[in-house]
N, C-alpha and C. Protein backbone atom coordinates (compact mmCIF):
# COMPACT_ATOMS: atom_id res chain seq x y z
N UNK A 1 13.62 4.95 -121.81
CA UNK A 1 12.27 4.96 -122.38
C UNK A 1 12.25 5.82 -123.66
N UNK A 2 11.31 5.45 -124.56
CA UNK A 2 11.10 6.25 -125.75
C UNK A 2 10.39 7.55 -125.36
N UNK A 3 10.78 8.61 -126.04
CA UNK A 3 10.15 9.89 -125.72
C UNK A 3 9.49 10.52 -126.94
N UNK A 4 9.47 9.79 -128.06
CA UNK A 4 8.89 10.36 -129.27
C UNK A 4 7.48 9.82 -129.47
N UNK A 5 7.23 9.18 -130.61
CA UNK A 5 5.89 8.70 -130.92
C UNK A 5 5.51 7.51 -130.03
N UNK A 6 4.20 7.25 -129.94
CA UNK A 6 3.74 6.12 -129.15
C UNK A 6 4.22 4.81 -129.73
N UNK A 7 4.46 4.77 -131.04
CA UNK A 7 5.07 3.61 -131.70
C UNK A 7 6.23 4.11 -132.55
N UNK A 8 7.37 3.48 -132.38
CA UNK A 8 8.57 3.92 -133.09
C UNK A 8 9.64 2.85 -132.95
N UNK A 9 10.76 3.05 -133.63
CA UNK A 9 11.90 2.16 -133.49
C UNK A 9 13.14 2.98 -133.18
N UNK A 10 14.10 2.31 -132.52
CA UNK A 10 15.41 2.92 -132.26
C UNK A 10 16.48 1.91 -132.66
N UNK A 11 17.42 2.37 -133.44
CA UNK A 11 18.54 1.54 -133.88
C UNK A 11 19.81 2.03 -133.20
N UNK A 12 20.45 1.14 -132.45
CA UNK A 12 21.69 1.46 -131.74
C UNK A 12 22.87 0.80 -132.45
N UNK A 13 24.03 1.47 -132.43
CA UNK A 13 25.28 0.90 -132.92
C UNK A 13 26.24 0.74 -131.75
N UNK A 14 26.77 -0.48 -131.58
CA UNK A 14 27.69 -0.77 -130.48
C UNK A 14 28.95 -1.43 -131.04
N UNK A 15 30.12 -1.15 -130.46
CA UNK A 15 31.34 -1.84 -130.91
C UNK A 15 31.19 -3.34 -130.75
N UNK A 16 31.64 -4.10 -131.73
CA UNK A 16 31.54 -5.56 -131.69
C UNK A 16 32.24 -6.11 -130.45
N UNK A 17 31.53 -6.95 -129.71
CA UNK A 17 32.12 -7.62 -128.56
C UNK A 17 32.16 -6.80 -127.30
N UNK A 18 31.55 -5.62 -127.30
CA UNK A 18 31.62 -4.76 -126.11
C UNK A 18 30.73 -5.31 -125.02
N UNK A 19 31.32 -5.53 -123.83
CA UNK A 19 30.54 -5.90 -122.66
C UNK A 19 29.89 -7.26 -122.75
N UNK A 20 29.44 -7.78 -121.61
CA UNK A 20 28.67 -9.01 -121.57
C UNK A 20 29.50 -10.26 -121.76
N UNK A 21 29.07 -11.40 -121.19
CA UNK A 21 29.82 -12.66 -121.31
C UNK A 21 29.82 -13.24 -122.70
N UNK A 22 28.87 -12.79 -123.56
CA UNK A 22 28.79 -13.33 -124.90
C UNK A 22 29.74 -12.63 -125.86
N UNK A 23 30.35 -11.53 -125.42
CA UNK A 23 31.10 -10.68 -126.33
C UNK A 23 32.26 -11.34 -127.03
N UNK A 24 32.94 -12.27 -126.37
CA UNK A 24 34.15 -12.84 -126.97
C UNK A 24 33.85 -13.65 -128.22
N UNK A 25 32.69 -14.32 -128.28
CA UNK A 25 32.34 -15.11 -129.45
C UNK A 25 32.14 -14.20 -130.66
N UNK A 26 31.35 -13.15 -130.46
CA UNK A 26 31.11 -12.20 -131.55
C UNK A 26 32.40 -11.51 -131.96
N UNK A 27 33.20 -11.14 -130.98
CA UNK A 27 34.44 -10.43 -131.27
C UNK A 27 35.39 -11.28 -132.11
N UNK A 28 35.58 -12.55 -131.73
CA UNK A 28 36.50 -13.41 -132.45
C UNK A 28 36.03 -13.66 -133.88
N UNK A 29 34.76 -14.06 -134.04
CA UNK A 29 34.26 -14.38 -135.38
C UNK A 29 34.26 -13.16 -136.29
N UNK A 30 33.82 -12.02 -135.77
CA UNK A 30 33.75 -10.81 -136.59
C UNK A 30 35.13 -10.27 -136.94
N UNK A 31 36.04 -10.28 -135.98
CA UNK A 31 37.38 -9.77 -136.24
C UNK A 31 38.14 -10.65 -137.23
N UNK A 32 37.93 -11.97 -137.15
CA UNK A 32 38.56 -12.86 -138.14
C UNK A 32 38.04 -12.54 -139.54
N UNK A 33 36.74 -12.33 -139.64
CA UNK A 33 36.14 -11.98 -140.94
C UNK A 33 36.68 -10.65 -141.44
N UNK A 34 36.80 -9.66 -140.57
CA UNK A 34 37.28 -8.35 -140.99
C UNK A 34 38.74 -8.41 -141.42
N UNK A 35 39.56 -9.19 -140.73
CA UNK A 35 40.97 -9.32 -141.15
C UNK A 35 41.06 -9.96 -142.52
N UNK A 36 40.23 -10.97 -142.76
CA UNK A 36 40.23 -11.63 -144.07
C UNK A 36 39.79 -10.65 -145.16
N UNK A 37 38.74 -9.88 -144.89
CA UNK A 37 38.26 -8.90 -145.85
C UNK A 37 39.29 -7.81 -146.11
N UNK A 38 39.92 -7.33 -145.04
CA UNK A 38 40.91 -6.27 -145.18
C UNK A 38 42.11 -6.74 -146.01
N UNK A 39 42.49 -8.00 -145.81
CA UNK A 39 43.61 -8.54 -146.58
C UNK A 39 43.27 -8.60 -148.06
N UNK A 40 42.03 -9.03 -148.37
CA UNK A 40 41.60 -9.10 -149.78
C UNK A 40 41.55 -7.71 -150.41
N UNK A 41 41.14 -6.72 -149.62
CA UNK A 41 40.98 -5.36 -150.15
C UNK A 41 42.23 -4.51 -149.95
N UNK A 42 43.27 -5.11 -149.39
CA UNK A 42 44.56 -4.43 -149.20
C UNK A 42 44.41 -3.12 -148.43
N UNK A 43 43.82 -3.25 -147.24
CA UNK A 43 43.62 -2.09 -146.37
C UNK A 43 43.76 -2.54 -144.93
N UNK A 44 43.95 -1.61 -144.00
CA UNK A 44 44.01 -2.00 -142.59
C UNK A 44 42.62 -2.43 -142.11
N UNK A 45 42.54 -3.36 -141.16
CA UNK A 45 41.23 -3.72 -140.58
C UNK A 45 40.57 -2.51 -139.93
N UNK A 46 39.26 -2.42 -140.07
CA UNK A 46 38.52 -1.30 -139.50
C UNK A 46 37.80 -1.66 -138.21
N UNK A 47 37.23 -0.67 -137.58
CA UNK A 47 36.45 -0.91 -136.37
C UNK A 47 35.09 -1.47 -136.76
N UNK A 48 34.63 -2.48 -136.02
CA UNK A 48 33.39 -3.15 -136.35
C UNK A 48 32.29 -2.82 -135.34
N UNK A 49 31.06 -2.77 -135.86
CA UNK A 49 29.91 -2.46 -135.03
C UNK A 49 28.82 -3.53 -135.20
N UNK A 50 28.07 -3.74 -134.13
CA UNK A 50 26.87 -4.55 -134.25
C UNK A 50 25.68 -3.71 -133.82
N UNK A 51 24.51 -4.10 -134.28
CA UNK A 51 23.31 -3.30 -134.10
C UNK A 51 22.34 -3.99 -133.16
N UNK A 52 21.58 -3.17 -132.46
CA UNK A 52 20.47 -3.65 -131.63
C UNK A 52 19.27 -2.76 -131.94
N UNK A 53 18.12 -3.40 -132.07
CA UNK A 53 16.90 -2.69 -132.45
C UNK A 53 15.90 -2.73 -131.30
N UNK A 54 15.35 -1.57 -131.00
CA UNK A 54 14.23 -1.48 -130.06
C UNK A 54 13.00 -1.03 -130.84
N UNK A 55 11.88 -1.71 -130.60
CA UNK A 55 10.62 -1.33 -131.25
C UNK A 55 9.59 -1.10 -130.16
N UNK A 56 8.91 0.03 -130.24
CA UNK A 56 7.81 0.29 -129.33
C UNK A 56 6.52 0.29 -130.13
N UNK A 57 5.60 -0.56 -129.70
CA UNK A 57 4.32 -0.69 -130.37
C UNK A 57 3.21 -0.39 -129.38
N UNK A 58 2.53 0.74 -129.60
CA UNK A 58 1.41 1.14 -128.75
C UNK A 58 1.78 1.09 -127.27
N UNK A 59 2.98 1.60 -126.96
CA UNK A 59 3.42 1.68 -125.58
C UNK A 59 4.20 0.50 -125.07
N UNK A 60 4.19 -0.63 -125.80
CA UNK A 60 4.96 -1.82 -125.40
C UNK A 60 6.32 -1.81 -126.09
N UNK A 61 7.38 -2.03 -125.32
CA UNK A 61 8.75 -1.98 -125.86
C UNK A 61 9.33 -3.38 -126.03
N UNK A 62 10.01 -3.62 -127.17
CA UNK A 62 10.64 -4.90 -127.46
C UNK A 62 12.10 -4.66 -127.88
N UNK A 63 12.98 -5.53 -127.43
CA UNK A 63 14.37 -5.52 -127.88
C UNK A 63 14.53 -6.66 -128.90
N UNK A 64 15.04 -6.32 -130.07
CA UNK A 64 15.25 -7.30 -131.14
C UNK A 64 16.75 -7.45 -131.35
N UNK A 65 17.23 -8.69 -131.24
CA UNK A 65 18.65 -8.95 -131.45
C UNK A 65 18.88 -10.42 -131.76
N UNK A 66 20.06 -10.71 -132.24
CA UNK A 66 20.52 -12.08 -132.47
C UNK A 66 21.78 -12.25 -131.65
N UNK A 67 21.82 -13.28 -130.78
CA UNK A 67 22.92 -13.44 -129.85
C UNK A 67 23.17 -14.92 -129.59
N UNK A 68 24.37 -15.29 -129.09
CA UNK A 68 24.64 -16.69 -128.76
C UNK A 68 23.62 -17.25 -127.77
N UNK A 69 23.25 -18.50 -127.96
CA UNK A 69 22.25 -19.15 -127.10
C UNK A 69 22.96 -20.12 -126.17
N UNK A 70 23.15 -19.68 -124.94
CA UNK A 70 23.89 -20.51 -123.98
C UNK A 70 23.05 -20.90 -122.77
N UNK A 71 21.78 -20.59 -122.77
CA UNK A 71 20.96 -20.81 -121.59
C UNK A 71 20.05 -22.02 -121.77
N UNK A 72 20.01 -22.99 -120.85
CA UNK A 72 19.08 -24.13 -120.94
C UNK A 72 17.64 -23.64 -120.94
N UNK A 73 16.67 -24.45 -121.49
CA UNK A 73 16.91 -25.77 -122.07
C UNK A 73 17.49 -25.69 -123.47
N UNK A 74 18.43 -26.55 -123.77
CA UNK A 74 19.06 -26.53 -125.07
C UNK A 74 18.22 -27.33 -126.07
N UNK A 75 18.18 -26.86 -127.30
CA UNK A 75 17.40 -27.52 -128.33
C UNK A 75 18.25 -28.38 -129.25
N UNK A 76 17.82 -28.52 -130.49
CA UNK A 76 18.53 -29.33 -131.46
C UNK A 76 18.98 -28.46 -132.61
N UNK A 77 19.65 -29.08 -133.54
CA UNK A 77 20.20 -28.36 -134.68
C UNK A 77 19.11 -27.63 -135.47
N UNK A 78 19.48 -26.53 -136.10
CA UNK A 78 18.59 -25.84 -137.01
C UNK A 78 17.67 -24.86 -136.31
N UNK A 79 16.47 -24.74 -136.80
CA UNK A 79 15.55 -23.72 -136.32
C UNK A 79 14.54 -24.31 -135.35
N UNK A 80 14.40 -23.68 -134.21
CA UNK A 80 13.43 -24.08 -133.21
C UNK A 80 12.58 -22.87 -132.90
N UNK A 81 11.29 -22.94 -133.13
CA UNK A 81 10.43 -21.80 -132.94
C UNK A 81 9.50 -22.02 -131.75
N UNK A 82 9.09 -20.92 -131.14
CA UNK A 82 8.12 -20.99 -130.07
C UNK A 82 8.69 -20.90 -128.67
N UNK A 83 10.02 -20.80 -128.49
CA UNK A 83 10.58 -20.64 -127.15
C UNK A 83 10.29 -19.23 -126.64
N UNK A 84 10.06 -19.11 -125.32
CA UNK A 84 9.64 -17.84 -124.76
C UNK A 84 10.68 -17.20 -123.86
N UNK A 85 11.77 -17.92 -123.48
CA UNK A 85 12.77 -17.30 -122.63
C UNK A 85 13.50 -16.21 -123.41
N UNK A 86 13.57 -15.05 -122.80
CA UNK A 86 14.19 -13.88 -123.41
C UNK A 86 13.56 -13.52 -124.75
N UNK A 87 12.32 -13.92 -124.94
CA UNK A 87 11.64 -13.59 -126.18
C UNK A 87 12.18 -14.32 -127.39
N UNK A 88 12.77 -15.50 -127.20
CA UNK A 88 13.37 -16.25 -128.30
C UNK A 88 12.28 -16.75 -129.25
N UNK A 89 12.44 -16.43 -130.54
CA UNK A 89 11.48 -16.87 -131.55
C UNK A 89 12.09 -17.84 -132.55
N UNK A 90 13.41 -17.99 -132.55
CA UNK A 90 14.07 -18.91 -133.48
C UNK A 90 15.52 -19.11 -133.05
N UNK A 91 16.14 -20.21 -133.49
CA UNK A 91 17.56 -20.43 -133.27
C UNK A 91 18.20 -20.95 -134.54
N UNK A 92 19.52 -20.83 -134.63
CA UNK A 92 20.27 -21.33 -135.77
C UNK A 92 21.68 -21.71 -135.36
N UNK A 93 22.42 -22.26 -136.29
CA UNK A 93 23.77 -22.77 -136.02
C UNK A 93 24.82 -21.69 -136.24
N UNK A 94 25.93 -21.84 -135.54
CA UNK A 94 27.09 -20.95 -135.68
C UNK A 94 28.21 -21.73 -136.34
N UNK A 95 28.72 -21.23 -137.46
CA UNK A 95 29.86 -21.83 -138.13
C UNK A 95 29.51 -22.96 -139.06
N UNK A 96 28.68 -23.90 -138.60
CA UNK A 96 28.30 -25.07 -139.39
C UNK A 96 27.03 -25.66 -138.80
N UNK A 97 26.16 -26.18 -139.66
CA UNK A 97 24.95 -26.81 -139.14
C UNK A 97 25.27 -28.04 -138.30
N UNK A 98 26.38 -28.69 -138.60
CA UNK A 98 26.78 -29.83 -137.78
C UNK A 98 27.16 -29.40 -136.37
N UNK A 99 27.87 -28.27 -136.26
CA UNK A 99 28.24 -27.75 -134.95
C UNK A 99 27.02 -27.29 -134.16
N UNK A 100 25.93 -27.02 -134.87
CA UNK A 100 24.73 -26.53 -134.21
C UNK A 100 24.09 -27.51 -133.24
N UNK A 101 24.57 -28.74 -133.22
CA UNK A 101 24.08 -29.69 -132.22
C UNK A 101 24.49 -29.28 -130.81
N UNK A 102 25.60 -28.51 -130.69
CA UNK A 102 26.09 -28.10 -129.37
C UNK A 102 25.61 -26.70 -129.02
N UNK A 103 25.21 -26.51 -127.77
CA UNK A 103 24.70 -25.19 -127.37
C UNK A 103 25.69 -24.06 -127.61
N UNK A 104 27.00 -24.35 -127.52
CA UNK A 104 28.01 -23.31 -127.69
C UNK A 104 28.10 -22.84 -129.14
N UNK A 105 27.46 -23.57 -130.06
CA UNK A 105 27.52 -23.21 -131.47
C UNK A 105 26.12 -22.97 -132.03
N UNK A 106 25.28 -22.31 -131.23
CA UNK A 106 23.97 -21.90 -131.69
C UNK A 106 23.71 -20.46 -131.28
N UNK A 107 22.88 -19.82 -132.05
CA UNK A 107 22.44 -18.47 -131.71
C UNK A 107 20.92 -18.47 -131.59
N UNK A 108 20.40 -17.41 -130.99
CA UNK A 108 18.96 -17.27 -130.88
C UNK A 108 18.52 -15.89 -131.37
N UNK A 109 17.38 -15.86 -132.01
CA UNK A 109 16.76 -14.62 -132.45
C UNK A 109 15.76 -14.23 -131.36
N UNK A 110 15.91 -13.02 -130.83
CA UNK A 110 15.09 -12.57 -129.71
C UNK A 110 14.20 -11.39 -130.10
N UNK A 111 12.98 -11.46 -129.65
CA UNK A 111 12.06 -10.32 -129.70
C UNK A 111 11.51 -10.22 -128.28
N UNK A 112 12.23 -9.54 -127.43
CA UNK A 112 12.12 -9.62 -125.98
C UNK A 112 11.28 -8.47 -125.43
N UNK A 113 10.08 -8.76 -124.91
CA UNK A 113 9.27 -7.70 -124.32
C UNK A 113 9.99 -7.05 -123.15
N UNK A 114 10.14 -5.74 -123.21
CA UNK A 114 10.84 -4.96 -122.19
C UNK A 114 12.22 -5.55 -121.91
N UNK A 115 12.90 -5.97 -122.98
CA UNK A 115 14.18 -6.67 -122.85
C UNK A 115 15.33 -5.79 -122.41
N UNK A 116 16.42 -6.46 -122.07
CA UNK A 116 17.63 -5.80 -121.57
C UNK A 116 18.69 -5.78 -122.67
N UNK A 117 19.39 -4.66 -122.79
CA UNK A 117 20.56 -4.56 -123.68
C UNK A 117 21.77 -4.37 -122.77
N UNK A 118 22.47 -5.47 -122.42
CA UNK A 118 23.49 -5.38 -121.38
C UNK A 118 24.67 -4.49 -121.72
N UNK A 119 24.98 -4.32 -123.00
CA UNK A 119 26.13 -3.51 -123.38
C UNK A 119 25.73 -2.15 -123.93
N UNK A 120 24.53 -1.67 -123.59
CA UNK A 120 24.06 -0.40 -124.13
C UNK A 120 24.95 0.77 -123.72
N UNK A 121 25.62 0.65 -122.59
CA UNK A 121 26.48 1.74 -122.13
C UNK A 121 27.64 2.00 -123.09
N UNK A 122 27.93 1.02 -123.97
CA UNK A 122 29.03 1.18 -124.93
C UNK A 122 28.55 1.72 -126.27
N UNK A 123 27.26 2.03 -126.39
CA UNK A 123 26.72 2.52 -127.66
C UNK A 123 27.46 3.79 -128.11
N UNK A 124 27.66 3.89 -129.41
CA UNK A 124 28.36 5.03 -129.99
C UNK A 124 27.32 6.00 -130.57
N UNK A 125 27.27 7.18 -130.02
CA UNK A 125 26.34 8.18 -130.50
C UNK A 125 24.91 7.92 -130.06
N UNK A 126 24.01 8.76 -130.52
CA UNK A 126 22.60 8.62 -130.21
C UNK A 126 21.95 7.63 -131.18
N UNK A 127 20.86 6.98 -130.76
CA UNK A 127 20.21 6.03 -131.66
C UNK A 127 19.47 6.74 -132.79
N UNK A 128 19.29 6.04 -133.89
CA UNK A 128 18.42 6.52 -134.96
C UNK A 128 16.98 6.21 -134.55
N UNK A 129 16.14 7.23 -134.49
CA UNK A 129 14.74 7.06 -134.07
C UNK A 129 13.83 7.31 -135.26
N UNK A 130 12.92 6.36 -135.53
CA UNK A 130 11.96 6.49 -136.63
C UNK A 130 10.56 6.26 -136.09
N UNK A 131 9.69 7.29 -136.14
CA UNK A 131 8.30 7.10 -135.71
C UNK A 131 7.58 6.12 -136.65
N UNK A 132 6.69 5.32 -136.07
CA UNK A 132 5.91 4.35 -136.84
C UNK A 132 4.45 4.42 -136.41
N UNK A 133 3.58 3.97 -137.29
CA UNK A 133 2.20 3.78 -136.87
C UNK A 133 2.14 2.53 -135.99
N UNK A 134 1.09 2.41 -135.18
CA UNK A 134 0.94 1.22 -134.34
C UNK A 134 0.89 -0.05 -135.18
N UNK A 135 0.19 0.02 -136.31
CA UNK A 135 0.04 -1.16 -137.16
C UNK A 135 1.38 -1.57 -137.76
N UNK A 136 2.16 -0.58 -138.20
CA UNK A 136 3.45 -0.90 -138.82
C UNK A 136 4.44 -1.43 -137.79
N UNK A 137 4.42 -0.86 -136.59
CA UNK A 137 5.31 -1.33 -135.53
C UNK A 137 4.98 -2.77 -135.16
N UNK A 138 3.69 -3.08 -135.03
CA UNK A 138 3.31 -4.44 -134.67
C UNK A 138 3.66 -5.42 -135.77
N UNK A 139 3.49 -5.00 -137.03
CA UNK A 139 3.85 -5.86 -138.15
C UNK A 139 5.34 -6.17 -138.15
N UNK A 140 6.15 -5.18 -137.79
CA UNK A 140 7.59 -5.41 -137.73
C UNK A 140 7.95 -6.37 -136.60
N UNK A 141 7.29 -6.24 -135.47
CA UNK A 141 7.51 -7.17 -134.36
C UNK A 141 7.15 -8.60 -134.77
N UNK A 142 6.02 -8.74 -135.44
CA UNK A 142 5.59 -10.07 -135.91
C UNK A 142 6.58 -10.65 -136.91
N UNK A 143 7.23 -9.78 -137.66
CA UNK A 143 8.16 -10.21 -138.70
C UNK A 143 9.43 -10.83 -138.13
N UNK A 144 9.78 -10.50 -136.89
CA UNK A 144 11.03 -11.00 -136.31
C UNK A 144 11.08 -12.52 -136.32
N UNK A 145 9.97 -13.18 -136.07
CA UNK A 145 9.93 -14.64 -136.03
C UNK A 145 10.20 -15.27 -137.39
N UNK A 146 10.18 -14.46 -138.45
CA UNK A 146 10.38 -14.98 -139.80
C UNK A 146 11.81 -14.76 -140.30
N UNK A 147 12.69 -14.23 -139.45
CA UNK A 147 14.07 -13.99 -139.86
C UNK A 147 14.71 -15.29 -140.35
N UNK A 148 15.36 -15.30 -141.51
CA UNK A 148 16.03 -16.52 -141.97
C UNK A 148 17.12 -16.95 -140.98
N UNK A 149 17.15 -18.22 -140.63
CA UNK A 149 18.14 -18.72 -139.68
C UNK A 149 19.31 -19.35 -140.42
N UNK A 150 20.00 -18.53 -141.22
CA UNK A 150 21.19 -19.00 -141.92
C UNK A 150 22.31 -19.25 -140.91
N UNK A 151 23.33 -19.98 -141.33
CA UNK A 151 24.46 -20.27 -140.46
C UNK A 151 25.25 -19.00 -140.19
N UNK A 152 25.43 -18.69 -138.92
CA UNK A 152 26.19 -17.50 -138.50
C UNK A 152 27.64 -17.64 -138.96
N UNK A 153 28.14 -16.59 -139.60
CA UNK A 153 29.53 -16.57 -140.02
C UNK A 153 29.77 -17.06 -141.43
N UNK A 154 28.73 -17.49 -142.14
CA UNK A 154 28.89 -17.99 -143.50
C UNK A 154 28.40 -16.97 -144.51
N UNK A 155 29.04 -16.96 -145.67
CA UNK A 155 28.65 -16.09 -146.78
C UNK A 155 27.54 -16.80 -147.55
N UNK A 156 26.34 -16.80 -147.02
CA UNK A 156 25.26 -17.61 -147.56
C UNK A 156 24.72 -17.08 -148.88
N UNK A 157 24.95 -15.81 -149.18
CA UNK A 157 24.41 -15.21 -150.40
C UNK A 157 25.48 -15.00 -151.47
N UNK A 158 26.71 -15.36 -151.17
CA UNK A 158 27.78 -15.24 -152.14
C UNK A 158 28.16 -13.81 -152.46
N UNK A 159 28.07 -12.91 -151.48
CA UNK A 159 28.40 -11.50 -151.72
C UNK A 159 29.56 -11.04 -150.85
N UNK A 160 30.31 -12.00 -150.30
CA UNK A 160 31.45 -11.70 -149.43
C UNK A 160 31.01 -10.91 -148.19
N UNK A 161 29.89 -11.31 -147.65
CA UNK A 161 29.38 -10.69 -146.42
C UNK A 161 28.79 -11.81 -145.57
N UNK A 162 29.24 -11.90 -144.32
CA UNK A 162 28.82 -12.98 -143.44
C UNK A 162 27.41 -12.75 -142.90
N UNK A 163 26.72 -13.87 -142.59
CA UNK A 163 25.42 -13.77 -141.93
C UNK A 163 25.66 -13.71 -140.42
N UNK A 164 25.10 -12.69 -139.77
CA UNK A 164 25.30 -12.53 -138.33
C UNK A 164 24.16 -11.70 -137.73
N UNK A 165 24.40 -11.12 -136.56
CA UNK A 165 23.35 -10.35 -135.89
C UNK A 165 22.93 -9.13 -136.69
N UNK A 166 23.89 -8.48 -137.34
CA UNK A 166 23.53 -7.32 -138.17
C UNK A 166 22.61 -7.72 -139.32
N UNK A 167 22.83 -8.91 -139.85
CA UNK A 167 21.99 -9.39 -140.95
C UNK A 167 20.53 -9.49 -140.51
N UNK A 168 20.32 -10.02 -139.30
CA UNK A 168 18.96 -10.18 -138.80
C UNK A 168 18.27 -8.83 -138.61
N UNK A 169 19.00 -7.86 -138.03
CA UNK A 169 18.41 -6.54 -137.83
C UNK A 169 18.10 -5.88 -139.16
N UNK A 170 19.04 -5.93 -140.10
CA UNK A 170 18.81 -5.33 -141.42
C UNK A 170 17.63 -6.00 -142.12
N UNK A 171 17.51 -7.31 -141.97
CA UNK A 171 16.40 -8.04 -142.60
C UNK A 171 15.06 -7.59 -142.03
N UNK A 172 14.98 -7.46 -140.70
CA UNK A 172 13.73 -7.02 -140.07
C UNK A 172 13.35 -5.62 -140.56
N UNK A 173 14.32 -4.73 -140.61
CA UNK A 173 14.03 -3.36 -141.05
C UNK A 173 13.60 -3.33 -142.52
N UNK A 174 14.40 -3.94 -143.37
CA UNK A 174 14.13 -3.88 -144.81
C UNK A 174 12.81 -4.57 -145.14
N UNK A 175 12.55 -5.72 -144.54
CA UNK A 175 11.30 -6.43 -144.83
C UNK A 175 10.11 -5.71 -144.21
N UNK A 176 10.36 -4.83 -143.23
CA UNK A 176 9.30 -4.05 -142.61
C UNK A 176 9.07 -2.71 -143.28
N UNK A 177 9.71 -2.49 -144.42
CA UNK A 177 9.47 -1.27 -145.17
C UNK A 177 10.37 -0.10 -144.81
N UNK A 178 11.41 -0.34 -144.02
CA UNK A 178 12.38 0.69 -143.66
C UNK A 178 13.61 0.52 -144.54
N UNK A 179 14.13 1.61 -145.08
CA UNK A 179 15.27 1.53 -145.99
C UNK A 179 16.56 1.28 -145.21
N UNK A 180 16.81 0.00 -144.89
CA UNK A 180 18.01 -0.36 -144.13
C UNK A 180 19.28 -0.12 -144.94
N UNK A 181 19.18 -0.19 -146.26
CA UNK A 181 20.36 0.00 -147.10
C UNK A 181 20.97 1.39 -146.91
N UNK A 182 20.17 2.36 -146.50
CA UNK A 182 20.67 3.73 -146.33
C UNK A 182 21.23 3.97 -144.93
N UNK A 183 21.11 2.99 -144.05
CA UNK A 183 21.59 3.16 -142.68
C UNK A 183 23.02 2.67 -142.56
N UNK A 184 23.86 3.46 -141.96
CA UNK A 184 25.27 3.10 -141.84
C UNK A 184 25.73 3.31 -140.40
N UNK A 185 26.74 2.54 -139.96
CA UNK A 185 27.27 2.73 -138.61
C UNK A 185 28.11 4.00 -138.53
N UNK A 186 28.64 4.32 -137.37
CA UNK A 186 29.52 5.49 -137.25
C UNK A 186 30.61 5.48 -138.31
N UNK A 187 31.08 6.66 -138.68
CA UNK A 187 31.96 6.82 -139.84
C UNK A 187 33.31 6.13 -139.70
N UNK A 188 33.71 5.74 -138.49
CA UNK A 188 35.03 5.13 -138.33
C UNK A 188 35.02 3.62 -138.45
N UNK A 189 33.91 3.04 -138.92
CA UNK A 189 33.86 1.58 -138.97
C UNK A 189 32.83 1.05 -139.94
N UNK A 190 32.57 -0.26 -139.83
CA UNK A 190 31.62 -0.92 -140.71
C UNK A 190 30.80 -1.92 -139.92
N UNK A 191 29.73 -2.41 -140.54
CA UNK A 191 28.83 -3.36 -139.90
C UNK A 191 28.77 -4.63 -140.74
N UNK A 192 29.65 -5.60 -140.49
CA UNK A 192 29.62 -6.85 -141.27
C UNK A 192 28.26 -7.52 -141.14
N UNK A 193 27.77 -8.05 -142.23
CA UNK A 193 26.50 -8.74 -142.24
C UNK A 193 25.31 -7.89 -142.63
N UNK A 194 25.46 -6.58 -142.58
CA UNK A 194 24.33 -5.68 -142.87
C UNK A 194 23.84 -5.85 -144.31
N UNK A 195 24.78 -5.85 -145.25
CA UNK A 195 24.39 -5.97 -146.66
C UNK A 195 23.71 -7.31 -146.93
N UNK A 196 24.16 -8.36 -146.25
CA UNK A 196 23.55 -9.68 -146.44
C UNK A 196 22.09 -9.67 -145.99
N UNK A 197 21.80 -8.99 -144.88
CA UNK A 197 20.43 -8.92 -144.41
C UNK A 197 19.53 -8.13 -145.34
N UNK A 198 20.04 -7.03 -145.87
CA UNK A 198 19.26 -6.22 -146.82
C UNK A 198 18.94 -7.04 -148.06
N UNK A 199 19.95 -7.70 -148.61
CA UNK A 199 19.73 -8.48 -149.83
C UNK A 199 18.77 -9.64 -149.59
N UNK A 200 18.90 -10.32 -148.46
CA UNK A 200 18.00 -11.44 -148.16
C UNK A 200 16.55 -10.97 -148.10
N UNK A 201 16.32 -9.78 -147.53
CA UNK A 201 14.97 -9.23 -147.46
C UNK A 201 14.45 -8.88 -148.84
N UNK A 202 15.31 -8.33 -149.67
CA UNK A 202 14.90 -7.96 -151.02
C UNK A 202 14.58 -9.17 -151.88
N UNK A 203 15.23 -10.29 -151.60
CA UNK A 203 15.02 -11.51 -152.38
C UNK A 203 13.84 -12.33 -151.88
N UNK A 204 13.34 -12.00 -150.70
CA UNK A 204 12.23 -12.78 -150.10
C UNK A 204 10.92 -12.59 -150.88
């Protein structure tokens, strides 16, 4: 439970692929991207992190994340809005919009009331906590449904940064008036997709 302001946010950093049945998809795609980046930059691959956001608005807690969508009922390619299971507000394709026809190649954007973070036990360090007004917290929650549903794993902005779960979290923060560009994961690693989310919010 939150112990600070009645409305606030918490940003957690977790090792990519830690825990949960969905972890292998994120781990494979992110590690392949990191190896490619490390080769281009002539450095060893680093440790990767993904982010999960909790928002509390006037006592109500929401978990915001982007994760593989493997639970029926399955939808169609592209963006599907209005689903309520696990607080799903949108879906998108993984790897290619053509592959998005199959449930195994889609992700979902979640804004889950009192949601579960199954791999929270693997979080590194304490979360970043930012107090918010009730109005600002609710506006940020409403903003989650507007996250761009770009193809997961693609460099959609041409900045050598893939679109993924970190992109969605960074977009929600930056578009909600929080300086996501100044937020960084633990010092021993990086968060692929974070810069893409910040830039997408700035360009909106």
